Amino acid sequence: MTATAYPLEWPEGWPRTLPDKRRNGSPFKTTLDRARKALLEELARLKASGVVVSSWLPLRADGFPRSDVARFRIEDPGVAVYFMRGGRQLVIARDAYWNVHDNLRSIGLAIEHLRGLERHGGAHLMERAFSGFVALPPPDKPKKTWWEVLGVQAGAEPWLIEAAYKHLAKKLHPDAGGSEGLMAELNRARDEALKAKAA
């Protein structure tokens, strides 16, 4: 299952390319749809799950990025691809090119080349390379209240809390493109909410 996230969630600890250092052209000759498809094929070969592609491209009603906007230069063309592999949350981000599809294609090619290590007997080398892509947790932020996480009023009834939980779980579960961290926060919020209602 693949999800698309807007706005861009640039990973903690990843350096950014200064705008005057971004490349205007690229050798890829691709489109957003072709770059996205090639990336997802590489991730499938890698046996990745819970894939989330994050960028500043606005989303259509079906949750996919608007390819008409992708044809134009946007202020921040960065892309971050989050995924699960071997029980670890990994991320690869790229912003070296002036459009999203070239950055997306660049990530797809990087994954293809890393998989090449495994094909040529270097499985341990590939694993060591991927250890550098472990997604760091975000810096400590004030913990959200249970009603903020669930998107309900503080005085919500238990049935409404459960309904909000089920609705959000469908989106935030790792198998639906969310993450273990988001599900843990959602579970904590539901538990706190029901405990508060029972008191």
C-alpha atoms as a PDB file:
ATOM      1  CA  MET A   1       0.000   0.000   0.000  1.00  0.00           C
ATOM      2  CA  THR A   2       1.356   3.425  -0.902  1.00  0.00           C
ATOM      3  CA  ALA A   3       0.309   6.791   0.461  1.00  0.00           C
ATOM      4  CA  THR A   4       1.101  10.304  -0.653  1.00  0.00           C
ATOM      5  CA  ALA A   5       1.728  12.990   1.935  1.00  0.00           C
ATOM      6  CA  TYR A   6       1.374  16.756   1.583  1.00  0.00           C
ATOM      7  CA  PRO A   7       3.043  18.949   2.654  1.00  0.00           C
ATOM      8  CA  LEU A   8       6.625  17.713   2.511  1.00  0.00           C
ATOM      9  CA  GLU A   9       7.913  16.102   5.718  1.00  0.00           C
ATOM     10  CA  TRP A  10      11.672  16.466   5.266  1.00  0.00           C
ATOM     11  CA  PRO A  11      13.470  13.924   7.477  1.00  0.00           C
ATOM     12  CA  GLU A  12      15.342  15.062  10.556  1.00  0.00           C
ATOM     13  CA  GLY A  13      19.099  15.092   9.986  1.00  0.00           C
ATOM     14  CA  TRP A  14      18.997  15.112   6.175  1.00  0.00           C
ATOM     15  CA  PRO A  15      20.863  18.093   4.645  1.00  0.00           C
ATOM     16  CA  ARG A  16      19.023  20.355   2.200  1.00  0.00           C
ATOM     17  CA  THR A  17      20.356  21.505  -1.167  1.00  0.00           C
ATOM     18  CA  LEU A  18      20.619  25.275  -1.364  1.00  0.00           C
ATOM     19  CA  PRO A  19      18.374  26.667  -4.144  1.00  0.00           C
ATOM     20  CA  ASP A  20      21.335  28.096  -6.088  1.00  0.00           C
ATOM     21  CA  LYS A  21      22.982  24.629  -6.051  1.00  0.00           C
ATOM     22  CA  ARG A  22      19.992  22.760  -7.508  1.00  0.00           C
ATOM     23  CA  ARG A  23      20.376  21.416 -11.036  1.00  0.00           C
ATOM     24  CA  ASN A  24      18.130  22.907 -13.710  1.00  0.00           C
ATOM     25  CA  GLY A  25      18.216  19.960 -16.065  1.00  0.00           C
ATOM     26  CA  SER A  26      18.447  16.255 -15.431  1.00  0.00           C
ATOM     27  CA  PRO A  27      19.476  13.218 -17.452  1.00  0.00           C
ATOM     28  CA  PHE A  28      16.271  11.326 -16.650  1.00  0.00           C
ATOM     29  CA  LYS A  29      13.749  12.467 -19.309  1.00  0.00           C
ATOM     30  CA  THR A  30      10.813  11.343 -17.175  1.00  0.00           C
ATOM     31  CA  THR A  31       7.403  12.440 -15.962  1.00  0.00           C
ATOM     32  CA  LEU A  32       5.903  12.370 -12.489  1.00  0.00           C
ATOM     33  CA  ASP A  33       3.833   9.265 -13.240  1.00  0.00           C
ATOM     34  CA  ARG A  34       6.739   7.344 -14.796  1.00  0.00           C
ATOM     35  CA  ALA A  35       9.154   8.328 -11.993  1.00  0.00           C
ATOM     36  CA  ARG A  36       6.614   7.341  -9.327  1.00  0.00           C
ATOM     37  CA  LYS A  37       5.862   4.005 -11.010  1.00  0.00           C
ATOM     38  CA  ALA A  38       9.584   3.164 -11.373  1.00  0.00           C
ATOM     39  CA  LEU A  39      10.216   4.048  -7.719  1.00  0.00           C
ATOM     40  CA  LEU A  40       7.325   1.876  -6.494  1.00  0.00           C
ATOM     41  CA  GLU A  41       8.567  -1.041  -8.609  1.00  0.00           C
ATOM     42  CA  GLU A  42      12.014  -0.767  -7.012  1.00  0.00           C
ATOM     43  CA  LEU A  43      10.500  -0.602  -3.534  1.00  0.00           C
ATOM     44  CA  ALA A  44       8.376  -3.688  -4.277  1.00  0.00           C
ATOM     45  CA  ARG A  45      11.517  -5.574  -5.348  1.00  0.00           C
ATOM     46  CA  LEU A  46      13.108  -4.446  -2.099  1.00  0.00           C
ATOM     47  CA  LYS A  47      10.090  -5.910  -0.217  1.00  0.00           C
ATOM     48  CA  ALA A  48       9.384  -2.514   1.341  1.00  0.00           C
ATOM     49  CA  SER A  49       6.013  -1.841   2.958  1.00  0.00           C
ATOM     50  CA  GLY A  50       4.150   1.151   4.350  1.00  0.00           C
ATOM     51  CA  VAL A  51       5.490   3.432   1.603  1.00  0.00           C
ATOM     52  CA  VAL A  52       4.753   7.164   1.959  1.00  0.00           C
ATOM     53  CA  VAL A  53       5.901   9.618  -0.716  1.00  0.00           C
ATOM     54  CA  SER A  54       5.991  13.156   0.691  1.00  0.00           C
ATOM     55  CA  SER A  55       6.350  16.377  -1.309  1.00  0.00           C
ATOM     56  CA  TRP A  56       4.959  19.884  -1.754  1.00  0.00           C
ATOM     57  CA  LEU A  57       2.823  18.804  -4.713  1.00  0.00           C
ATOM     58  CA  PRO A  58      -0.861  19.414  -3.900  1.00  0.00           C
ATOM     59  CA  LEU A  59      -3.016  16.289  -3.950  1.00  0.00           C
ATOM     60  CA  ARG A  60      -6.005  15.429  -6.108  1.00  0.00           C
ATOM     61  CA  ALA A  61      -9.251  14.181  -4.578  1.00  0.00           C
ATOM     62  CA  ASP A  62      -8.019  10.568  -4.994  1.00  0.00           C
ATOM     63  CA  GLY A  63      -4.897  11.277  -2.911  1.00  0.00           C
ATOM     64  CA  PHE A  64      -2.406  11.262  -5.798  1.00  0.00           C
ATOM     65  CA  PRO A  65      -0.199  14.292  -6.512  1.00  0.00           C
ATOM     66  CA  ARG A  66      -1.339  16.728  -9.181  1.00  0.00           C
ATOM     67  CA  SER A  67       0.859  16.027 -12.206  1.00  0.00           C
ATOM     68  CA  ASP A  68      -0.176  19.324 -13.841  1.00  0.00           C
ATOM     69  CA  VAL A  69       1.559  21.205 -10.991  1.00  0.00           C
ATOM     70  CA  ALA A  70       4.601  18.905 -11.286  1.00  0.00           C
ATOM     71  CA  ARG A  71       5.387  20.320 -14.726  1.00  0.00           C
ATOM     72  CA  PHE A  72       6.220  23.705 -13.222  1.00  0.00           C
ATOM     73  CA  ARG A  73       9.040  24.781 -10.960  1.00  0.00           C
ATOM     74  CA  ILE A  74       7.901  24.957  -7.350  1.00  0.00           C
ATOM     75  CA  GLU A  75       9.693  26.694  -4.522  1.00  0.00           C
ATOM     76  CA  ASP A  76      10.638  23.443  -2.753  1.00  0.00           C
ATOM     77  CA  PRO A  77      10.923  20.439  -5.117  1.00  0.00           C
ATOM     78  CA  GLY A  78      12.165  18.097  -2.389  1.00  0.00           C
ATOM     79  CA  VAL A  79      10.815  14.567  -2.024  1.00  0.00           C
ATOM     80  CA  ALA A  80      11.065  12.237   0.968  1.00  0.00           C
ATOM     81  CA  VAL A  81      10.190   8.553   0.630  1.00  0.00           C
ATOM     82  CA  TYR A  82       9.446   6.750   3.906  1.00  0.00           C
ATOM     83  CA  PHE A  83       9.082   2.963   4.031  1.00  0.00           C
ATOM     84  CA  MET A  84       9.409  -0.080   6.273  1.00  0.00           C
ATOM     85  CA  ARG A  85      11.951  -2.815   5.644  1.00  0.00           C
ATOM     86  CA  GLY A  86      13.106  -5.509   8.023  1.00  0.00           C
ATOM     87  CA  GLY A  87      11.147  -3.965  10.878  1.00  0.00           C
ATOM     88  CA  ARG A  88      12.873  -0.593  10.495  1.00  0.00           C
ATOM     89  CA  GLN A  89      11.397   2.737   9.381  1.00  0.00           C
ATOM     90  CA  LEU A  90      13.678   4.009   6.599  1.00  0.00           C
ATOM     91  CA  VAL A  91      13.732   7.227   4.599  1.00  0.00           C
ATOM     92  CA  ILE A  92      15.499   8.541   1.508  1.00  0.00           C
ATOM     93  CA  ALA A  93      15.157  12.205   0.563  1.00  0.00           C
ATOM     94  CA  ARG A  94      16.317  14.197  -2.443  1.00  0.00           C
ATOM     95  CA  ASP A  95      16.117  17.853  -3.503  1.00  0.00           C
ATOM     96  CA  ALA A  96      19.064  18.224  -5.894  1.00  0.00           C
ATOM     97  CA  TYR A  97      16.857  18.915  -8.952  1.00  0.00           C
ATOM     98  CA  TRP A  98      14.398  21.715  -9.641  1.00  0.00           C
ATOM     99  CA  ASN A  99      11.384  19.463 -10.105  1.00  0.00           C
ATOM    100  CA  VAL A 100       9.767  16.725  -8.070  1.00  0.00           C
ATOM    101  CA  HIS A 101       9.791  14.028 -10.754  1.00  0.00           C
ATOM    102  CA  ASP A 102      13.576  14.257 -11.247  1.00  0.00           C
ATOM    103  CA  ASN A 103      14.141  13.997  -7.496  1.00  0.00           C
ATOM    104  CA  LEU A 104      11.730  11.053  -7.368  1.00  0.00           C
ATOM    105  CA  ARG A 105      13.546   9.330 -10.240  1.00  0.00           C
ATOM    106  CA  SER A 106      16.877   9.937  -8.520  1.00  0.00           C
ATOM    107  CA  ILE A 107      15.619   8.139  -5.390  1.00  0.00           C
ATOM    108  CA  GLY A 108      14.330   5.236  -7.483  1.00  0.00           C
ATOM    109  CA  LEU A 109      17.708   4.852  -9.181  1.00  0.00           C
ATOM    110  CA  ALA A 110      19.518   5.015  -5.829  1.00  0.00           C
ATOM    111  CA  ILE A 111      17.377   2.138  -4.526  1.00  0.00           C
ATOM    112  CA  GLU A 112      17.966   0.182  -7.741  1.00  0.00           C
ATOM    113  CA  HIS A 113      21.742   0.550  -7.319  1.00  0.00           C
ATOM    114  CA  LEU A 114      21.601  -0.417  -3.648  1.00  0.00           C
ATOM    115  CA  ARG A 115      19.673  -3.546  -4.620  1.00  0.00           C
ATOM    116  CA  GLY A 116      22.471  -4.260  -7.101  1.00  0.00           C
ATOM    117  CA  LEU A 117      24.778  -4.826  -4.151  1.00  0.00           C
ATOM    118  CA  GLU A 118      22.556  -7.695  -3.032  1.00  0.00           C
ATOM    119  CA  ARG A 119      22.327  -9.189  -6.525  1.00  0.00           C
ATOM    120  CA  HIS A 120      26.116  -9.354  -6.727  1.00  0.00           C
ATOM    121  CA  GLY A 121      26.661 -11.115  -3.413  1.00  0.00           C
ATOM    122  CA  GLY A 122      26.882  -8.076  -1.194  1.00  0.00           C
ATOM    123  CA  ALA A 123      23.734  -8.516   0.906  1.00  0.00           C
ATOM    124  CA  HIS A 124      25.621  -7.444   4.031  1.00  0.00           C
ATOM    125  CA  LEU A 125      26.883  -4.351   2.173  1.00  0.00           C
ATOM    126  CA  MET A 126      23.342  -3.451   1.172  1.00  0.00           C
ATOM    127  CA  GLU A 127      22.147  -3.868   4.772  1.00  0.00           C
ATOM    128  CA  ARG A 128      24.978  -1.638   6.007  1.00  0.00           C
ATOM    129  CA  ALA A 129      24.082   0.956   3.374  1.00  0.00           C
ATOM    130  CA  PHE A 130      20.427   0.901   4.411  1.00  0.00           C
ATOM    131  CA  SER A 131      21.336   1.330   8.069  1.00  0.00           C
ATOM    132  CA  GLY A 132      22.246   4.899   7.099  1.00  0.00           C
ATOM    133  CA  PHE A 133      18.650   5.507   6.009  1.00  0.00           C
ATOM    134  CA  VAL A 134      16.977   4.793   9.351  1.00  0.00           C
ATOM    135  CA  ALA A 135      14.423   7.529   9.957  1.00  0.00           C
ATOM    136  CA  LEU A 136      15.284   9.513  13.056  1.00  0.00           C
ATOM    137  CA  PRO A 137      12.476  10.386  15.397  1.00  0.00           C
ATOM    138  CA  PRO A 138      11.464  14.045  15.214  1.00  0.00           C
ATOM    139  CA  PRO A 139      12.822  16.311  17.925  1.00  0.00           C
ATOM    140  CA  ASP A 140      10.804  16.286  21.109  1.00  0.00           C
ATOM    141  CA  LYS A 141       7.592  18.193  20.579  1.00  0.00           C
ATOM    142  CA  PRO A 142       4.980  18.902  23.197  1.00  0.00           C
ATOM    143  CA  LYS A 143       2.775  15.807  23.394  1.00  0.00           C
ATOM    144  CA  LYS A 144      -0.638  16.354  21.823  1.00  0.00           C
ATOM    145  CA  THR A 145      -3.676  15.898  24.009  1.00  0.00           C
ATOM    146  CA  TRP A 146      -5.849  12.871  23.269  1.00  0.00           C
ATOM    147  CA  TRP A 147      -8.597  15.071  21.800  1.00  0.00           C
ATOM    148  CA  GLU A 148      -6.116  16.791  19.451  1.00  0.00           C
ATOM    149  CA  VAL A 149      -4.848  13.427  18.187  1.00  0.00           C
ATOM    150  CA  LEU A 150      -8.372  12.056  17.716  1.00  0.00           C
ATOM    151  CA  GLY A 151      -9.750  15.320  16.324  1.00  0.00           C
ATOM    152  CA  VAL A 152     -12.687  15.480  18.751  1.00  0.00           C
ATOM    153  CA  GLN A 153     -13.824  17.788  21.546  1.00  0.00           C
ATOM    154  CA  ALA A 154     -12.411  17.180  25.035  1.00  0.00           C
ATOM    155  CA  GLY A 155     -15.926  16.304  26.221  1.00  0.00           C
ATOM    156  CA  ALA A 156     -16.591  13.744  23.439  1.00  0.00           C
ATOM    157  CA  GLU A 157     -18.662  10.677  24.273  1.00  0.00           C
ATOM    158  CA  PRO A 158     -16.981   7.219  24.242  1.00  0.00           C
ATOM    159  CA  TRP A 159     -18.835   6.164  21.059  1.00  0.00           C
ATOM    160  CA  LEU A 160     -17.467   9.247  19.255  1.00  0.00           C
ATOM    161  CA  ILE A 161     -13.954   8.544  20.535  1.00  0.00           C
ATOM    162  CA  GLU A 162     -14.148   4.965  19.185  1.00  0.00           C
ATOM    163  CA  ALA A 163     -15.530   6.180  15.835  1.00  0.00           C
ATOM    164  CA  ALA A 164     -12.729   8.752  15.475  1.00  0.00           C
ATOM    165  CA  TYR A 165     -10.153   6.109  16.435  1.00  0.00           C
ATOM    166  CA  LYS A 166     -11.411   3.614  13.822  1.00  0.00           C
ATOM    167  CA  HIS A 167     -11.538   6.286  11.124  1.00  0.00           C
ATOM    168  CA  LEU A 168      -7.956   7.437  11.799  1.00  0.00           C
ATOM    169  CA  ALA A 169      -6.597   3.899  12.233  1.00  0.00           C
ATOM    170  CA  LYS A 170      -7.599   3.131   8.631  1.00  0.00           C
ATOM    171  CA  LYS A 171      -5.227   5.908   7.491  1.00  0.00           C
ATOM    172  CA  LEU A 172      -2.462   5.746  10.099  1.00  0.00           C
ATOM    173  CA  HIS A 173      -1.857   1.987  10.282  1.00  0.00           C
ATOM    174  CA  PRO A 174       1.527   0.983   8.745  1.00  0.00           C
ATOM    175  CA  ASP A 175      -0.242  -1.328   6.259  1.00  0.00           C
ATOM    176  CA  ALA A 176      -2.295   1.650   5.036  1.00  0.00           C
ATOM    177  CA  GLY A 177       0.678   3.957   4.503  1.00  0.00           C
ATOM    178  CA  GLY A 178       0.943   5.277   8.050  1.00  0.00           C
ATOM    179  CA  SER A 179       3.632   4.300  10.523  1.00  0.00           C
ATOM    180  CA  GLU A 180       4.150   2.465  13.774  1.00  0.00           C
ATOM    181  CA  GLY A 181       4.808   5.812  15.473  1.00  0.00           C
ATOM    182  CA  LEU A 182       1.517   7.328  14.298  1.00  0.00           C
ATOM    183  CA  MET A 183      -0.417   4.210  15.354  1.00  0.00           C
ATOM    184  CA  ALA A 184       1.269   4.233  18.760  1.00  0.00           C
ATOM    185  CA  GLU A 185       0.246   7.872  19.251  1.00  0.00           C
ATOM    186  CA  LEU A 186      -3.312   7.065  18.168  1.00  0.00           C
ATOM    187  CA  ASN A 187      -3.535   4.064  20.526  1.00  0.00           C
ATOM    188  CA  ARG A 188      -2.199   6.184  23.401  1.00  0.00           C
ATOM    189  CA  ALA A 189      -4.804   8.875  22.672  1.00  0.00           C
ATOM    190  CA  ARG A 190      -7.697   6.381  22.638  1.00  0.00           C
ATOM    191  CA  ASP A 191      -6.512   4.742  25.867  1.00  0.00           C
ATOM    192  CA  GLU A 192      -6.169   8.125  27.609  1.00  0.00           C
ATOM    193  CA  ALA A 193      -9.564   9.234  26.317  1.00  0.00           C
ATOM    194  CA  LEU A 194     -11.402   6.139  27.532  1.00  0.00           C
ATOM    195  CA  LYS A 195      -9.585   6.252  30.873  1.00  0.00           C
ATOM    196  CA  ALA A 196     -10.607   9.895  31.314  1.00  0.00           C
ATOM    197  CA  LYS A 197     -14.229   9.053  30.479  1.00  0.00           C
ATOM    198  CA  ALA A 198     -14.272   6.132  32.924  1.00  0.00           C
ATOM    199  CA  ALA A 199     -12.929   8.292  35.797  1.00  0.00           C
END
